[in-house]
C-alpha atoms as a PDB file:
ATOM      1  CA  MET A   1      72.852 140.151  55.132  1.00  0.00           C
ATOM      2  CA  ALA A   2      69.505 139.625  56.801  1.00  0.00           C
ATOM      3  CA  LYS A   3      67.853 142.652  58.329  1.00  0.00           C
ATOM      4  CA  ARG A   4      67.359 142.634  62.064  1.00  0.00           C
ATOM      5  CA  LYS A   5      63.890 143.205  63.418  1.00  0.00           C
ATOM      6  CA  LYS A   6      63.493 146.303  65.534  1.00  0.00           C
ATOM      7  CA  ASN A   7      62.604 145.693  69.154  1.00  0.00           C
ATOM      8  CA  LYS A   8      59.168 146.759  70.155  1.00  0.00           C
ATOM      9  CA  VAL A   9      59.034 149.916  72.196  1.00  0.00           C
ATOM     10  CA  ALA A  10      57.286 149.559  75.533  1.00  0.00           C
ATOM     11  CA  GLU A  11      53.588 149.472  74.913  1.00  0.00           C
ATOM     12  CA  ALA A  12      51.208 151.787  76.680  1.00  0.00           C
ATOM     13  CA  PRO A  13      49.666 150.315  79.826  1.00  0.00           C
ATOM     14  CA  SER A  14      46.578 148.318  79.058  1.00  0.00           C
ATOM     15  CA  THR A  15      43.205 149.983  79.404  1.00  0.00           C
ATOM     16  CA  ARG A  16      41.586 147.009  81.119  1.00  0.00           C
ATOM     17  CA  ARG A  17      40.265 147.421  84.633  1.00  0.00           C
ATOM     18  CA  VAL A  18      42.721 146.399  87.321  1.00  0.00           C
ATOM     19  CA  SER A  19      41.502 144.702  90.499  1.00  0.00           C
ATOM     20  CA  ALA A  20      42.273 146.145  93.913  1.00  0.00           C
ATOM     21  CA  GLU A  21      44.481 143.135  94.722  1.00  0.00           C
ATOM     22  CA  GLU A  22      46.512 143.692  91.567  1.00  0.00           C
ATOM     23  CA  LYS A  23      46.939 147.382  92.383  1.00  0.00           C
ATOM     24  CA  ILE A  24      48.161 146.529  95.875  1.00  0.00           C
ATOM     25  CA  ALA A  25      50.577 143.914  94.510  1.00  0.00           C
ATOM     26  CA  ARG A  26      51.994 146.392  91.991  1.00  0.00           C
ATOM     27  CA  LEU A  27      52.379 149.058  94.643  1.00  0.00           C
ATOM     28  CA  LEU A  28      54.210 146.663  96.976  1.00  0.00           C
ATOM     29  CA  GLY A  29      56.457 145.594  94.107  1.00  0.00           C
ATOM     30  CA  LEU A  30      57.341 149.173  93.243  1.00  0.00           C
ATOM     31  CA  LEU A  31      58.014 149.969  96.908  1.00  0.00           C
ATOM     32  CA  LEU A  32      60.337 146.972  97.024  1.00  0.00           C
ATOM     33  CA  VAL A  33      62.535 148.341  94.231  1.00  0.00           C
ATOM     34  CA  LYS A  34      62.122 152.095  94.720  1.00  0.00           C
ATOM     35  CA  ASP A  35      65.721 152.645  95.859  1.00  0.00           C
ATOM     36  CA  ILE A  36      67.237 150.705  92.946  1.00  0.00           C
ATOM     37  CA  LYS A  37      68.087 153.239  90.251  1.00  0.00           C
ATOM     38  CA  LYS A  38      68.458 151.048  87.136  1.00  0.00           C
ATOM     39  CA  LYS A  39      65.334 149.345  85.833  1.00  0.00           C
ATOM     40  CA  THR A  40      67.396 146.406  84.660  1.00  0.00           C
ATOM     41  CA  ASP A  41      68.483 145.805  88.265  1.00  0.00           C
ATOM     42  CA  GLN A  42      64.873 145.978  89.467  1.00  0.00           C
ATOM     43  CA  VAL A  43      63.693 143.233  87.123  1.00  0.00           C
ATOM     44  CA  PRO A  44      65.293 140.157  88.769  1.00  0.00           C
ATOM     45  CA  LEU A  45      64.034 141.197  92.189  1.00  0.00           C
ATOM     46  CA  LEU A  46      60.469 141.687  90.959  1.00  0.00           C
ATOM     47  CA  ARG A  47      60.605 138.342  89.127  1.00  0.00           C
ATOM     48  CA  ARG A  48      61.914 136.581  92.257  1.00  0.00           C
ATOM     49  CA  VAL A  49      59.004 137.817  94.364  1.00  0.00           C
ATOM     50  CA  GLY A  50      56.524 136.379  91.877  1.00  0.00           C
ATOM     51  CA  PHE A  51      55.655 138.953  89.223  1.00  0.00           C
ATOM     52  CA  GLU A  52      55.203 137.611  85.688  1.00  0.00           C
ATOM     53  CA  VAL A  53      57.256 138.979  82.786  1.00  0.00           C
ATOM     54  CA  ALA A  54      54.292 140.915  81.365  1.00  0.00           C
ATOM     55  CA  GLU A  55      53.490 142.416  84.769  1.00  0.00           C
ATOM     56  CA  VAL A  56      57.072 143.618  85.268  1.00  0.00           C
ATOM     57  CA  ALA A  57      57.137 145.041  81.744  1.00  0.00           C
ATOM     58  CA  ASP A  58      53.913 146.933  82.398  1.00  0.00           C
ATOM     59  CA  MET A  59      55.080 148.221  85.787  1.00  0.00           C
ATOM     60  CA  LEU A  60      58.460 149.443  84.547  1.00  0.00           C
ATOM     61  CA  GLY A  61      57.462 150.550  81.045  1.00  0.00           C
ATOM     62  CA  MET A  62      59.729 148.047  79.313  1.00  0.00           C
ATOM     63  CA  SER A  63      59.170 145.532  76.524  1.00  0.00           C
ATOM     64  CA  THR A  64      58.648 141.924  77.587  1.00  0.00           C
ATOM     65  CA  ASN A  65      61.772 140.914  75.686  1.00  0.00           C
ATOM     66  CA  HIS A  66      63.846 143.499  77.565  1.00  0.00           C
ATOM     67  CA  VAL A  67      62.462 142.160  80.858  1.00  0.00           C
ATOM     68  CA  LYS A  68      63.417 138.593  79.921  1.00  0.00           C
ATOM     69  CA  VAL A  69      66.961 139.642  79.019  1.00  0.00           C
ATOM     70  CA  ALA A  70      67.392 141.778  82.146  1.00  0.00           C
ATOM     71  CA  ASP A  71      66.082 138.930  84.303  1.00  0.00           C
ATOM     72  CA  HIS A  72      68.470 136.436  82.719  1.00  0.00           C
ATOM     73  CA  LEU A  73      71.486 138.733  83.056  1.00  0.00           C
ATOM     74  CA  GLY A  74      70.546 139.641  86.630  1.00  0.00           C
ATOM     75  CA  ARG A  75      70.274 136.010  87.681  1.00  0.00           C
ATOM     76  CA  LYS A  76      73.538 135.200  85.884  1.00  0.00           C
ATOM     77  CA  LYS A  77      75.311 138.115  87.632  1.00  0.00           C
ATOM     78  CA  LYS A  78      74.017 137.011  91.037  1.00  0.00           C
ATOM     79  CA  SER A  79      75.192 133.406  90.630  1.00  0.00           C
ATOM     80  CA  ALA A  80      78.711 134.454  89.588  1.00  0.00           C
END
């Protein structure tokens, strides 16, 4: 049997400088989902309002792959 690759653990937030506009956008995004307990339920909402996969992963401390899966499952659940 082939070995499965381990998923990457959420990477530490980048050390690059973040613009004021980006900080405001992140803050508004986090305020939008603050009452939603599960991160996987927050993902589709953040994606729908315009955040990129990498941005959501950075904001929620998740891997980009986990964000993609959560977004797909969240959209699938909503359409059912």
